[in-house]
Every structure is written in structure tokens, then in C-alpha cells.
């Protein structure tokens, strides 16, 4: 049962997400998020292709950042600490007309 839950989580986290927004000149644009260790810039580019299809797209902006994450917790029976890396990637695109 745990195996199924892990596979489902991995499948859900493997896609880039998108939301509609507006570009600097008022045109319809899309904010693509491909953050996380399991995602890549390629996933953002693939999502852009899915959205714009044969029209193609223009990248308005893109940004990336890497950081550290530390979590700690304690209770009467003990405590724990864990650390990791966070990767943030986003891109704004507009479909060509």
C-alpha cells in the first residue's frame, strides 16, 4: 500500500504547473512553475508546448533559485532534525499569434 502512495506522489509531482496571467504589455501570458528536485526546465518547456501547441511561444522571463531547508521538532519522547535542498524554477511565456 505504501508503494502505491509513493508512486502516486511521484507522478503528481513530476508535472510543471501553470496559471494564466498577463504580460507587461497586457497580452495573455502563462506563469509556469517547475520547482522541486523531481522537476526540470525541460518540463516547463514541455508545458509551454502543450499550452501554445503549433503557434509556438515566446519566453518573457525565467528565474531560478536554489536554497537550503532545515526542519527540527521535539517532543517529550525525543526529537529529530532534517535538512535538504530546495530548487525554485519559474518561467512566464506568451503564445505567438
Protein backbone atom coordinates (compact mmCIF):
# COMPACT_ATOMS: atom_id res chain seq x y z
CA UNK A 1 0.00 0.00 0.00
CA UNK A 2 2.85 2.40 0.78
CA UNK A 3 4.36 1.64 -2.63
CA UNK A 4 1.17 2.84 -4.35
CA UNK A 5 1.17 6.05 -2.31
CA UNK A 6 4.81 6.74 -3.20
CA UNK A 7 4.21 6.15 -6.90
CA UNK A 8 1.14 8.42 -6.84
CA UNK A 9 3.09 11.21 -5.12
CA UNK A 10 5.95 10.91 -7.60
CA UNK A 11 3.57 11.01 -10.56
CA UNK A 12 1.76 14.09 -9.26
CA UNK A 13 4.96 15.98 -8.52
CA UNK A 14 6.52 15.28 -11.92
CA UNK A 15 4.49 17.79 -13.95
CA UNK A 16 5.00 21.51 -14.34
CA UNK A 17 2.06 23.62 -13.20
CA UNK A 18 0.69 26.67 -14.98
CA UNK A 19 -1.62 29.61 -14.37
CA UNK A 20 -2.86 32.32 -16.71
CA UNK A 21 -1.61 35.86 -16.14
CA UNK A 22 -0.85 38.95 -18.25
CA UNK A 23 2.43 40.09 -19.77
CA UNK A 24 3.95 43.57 -19.45
CA UNK A 25 2.04 44.83 -22.50
CA UNK A 26 -1.30 43.36 -21.38
CA UNK A 27 -1.15 40.24 -23.55
CA UNK A 28 -2.34 36.90 -22.17
CA UNK A 29 0.63 35.04 -20.69
CA UNK A 30 1.22 31.92 -18.61
CA UNK A 31 3.25 31.51 -15.44
CA UNK A 32 4.89 28.07 -15.45
CA UNK A 33 6.27 26.54 -12.26
CA UNK A 34 8.69 23.64 -12.48
CA UNK A 35 10.18 23.87 -8.99
CA UNK A 36 11.43 20.93 -6.98
CA UNK A 37 14.05 18.21 -7.17
CA UNK A 38 11.89 15.99 -9.41
CA UNK A 39 11.21 18.72 -11.99
CA UNK A 40 13.41 20.25 -14.69
CA UNK A 41 13.48 23.22 -17.07
CA UNK A 42 12.55 20.73 -19.77
CA UNK A 43 9.22 20.16 -18.02
CA UNK A 44 8.49 23.90 -18.18
CA UNK A 45 9.31 23.92 -21.88
CA UNK A 46 7.12 20.86 -22.44
CA UNK A 47 4.23 22.57 -20.62
CA UNK A 48 4.70 25.68 -22.79
CA UNK A 49 4.41 23.47 -25.87
CA UNK A 50 1.22 21.86 -24.53
CA UNK A 51 -0.34 25.27 -23.88
CA UNK A 52 0.62 27.01 -27.14
CA UNK A 53 0.74 23.94 -29.41
CA UNK A 54 1.57 24.73 -33.06
CA UNK A 55 1.56 28.53 -32.53
CA UNK A 56 4.84 28.36 -30.60
CA UNK A 57 5.72 30.60 -27.68
CA UNK A 58 7.99 33.41 -26.54
CA UNK A 59 9.72 33.35 -23.15
CA UNK A 60 9.01 36.65 -21.37
CA UNK A 61 11.07 35.86 -18.26
CA UNK A 62 12.57 32.99 -16.33
CA UNK A 63 14.12 32.68 -12.88
CA UNK A 64 15.76 30.01 -10.76
CA UNK A 65 16.97 29.84 -7.18
CA UNK A 66 18.48 27.12 -5.00
CA UNK A 67 18.30 27.17 -1.22
CA UNK A 68 18.67 25.08 1.90
CA UNK A 69 15.83 23.83 4.06
CA UNK A 70 16.16 22.75 7.71
CA UNK A 71 13.36 21.29 9.85
CA UNK A 72 13.53 20.34 13.52
CA UNK A 73 10.93 19.13 16.01
CA UNK A 74 10.97 17.91 19.59
CA UNK A 75 8.52 16.23 21.93
CA UNK A 76 8.76 14.52 25.36
CA UNK A 77 9.94 11.25 23.82
CA UNK A 78 12.69 12.76 21.65
CA UNK A 79 13.22 14.88 18.61
CA UNK A 80 14.53 14.94 15.09
CA UNK A 81 16.08 17.25 12.55
CA UNK A 82 16.31 17.00 8.80
CA UNK A 83 17.72 19.12 6.02
CA UNK A 84 17.57 19.32 2.29
CA UNK A 85 17.78 21.48 -0.79
CA UNK A 86 15.00 23.46 -2.43
CA UNK A 87 15.02 24.38 -6.10
CA UNK A 88 12.70 27.08 -7.41
CA UNK A 89 12.19 27.47 -11.18
CA UNK A 90 9.58 29.61 -12.92
CA UNK A 91 9.00 30.93 -16.40
CA UNK A 92 6.50 33.34 -17.96
CA UNK A 93 5.60 32.66 -21.59
CA UNK A 94 3.24 34.11 -24.19
CA UNK A 95 1.88 32.17 -27.14
CA UNK A 96 2.74 33.55 -30.58
CA UNK A 97 -0.20 34.71 -32.67
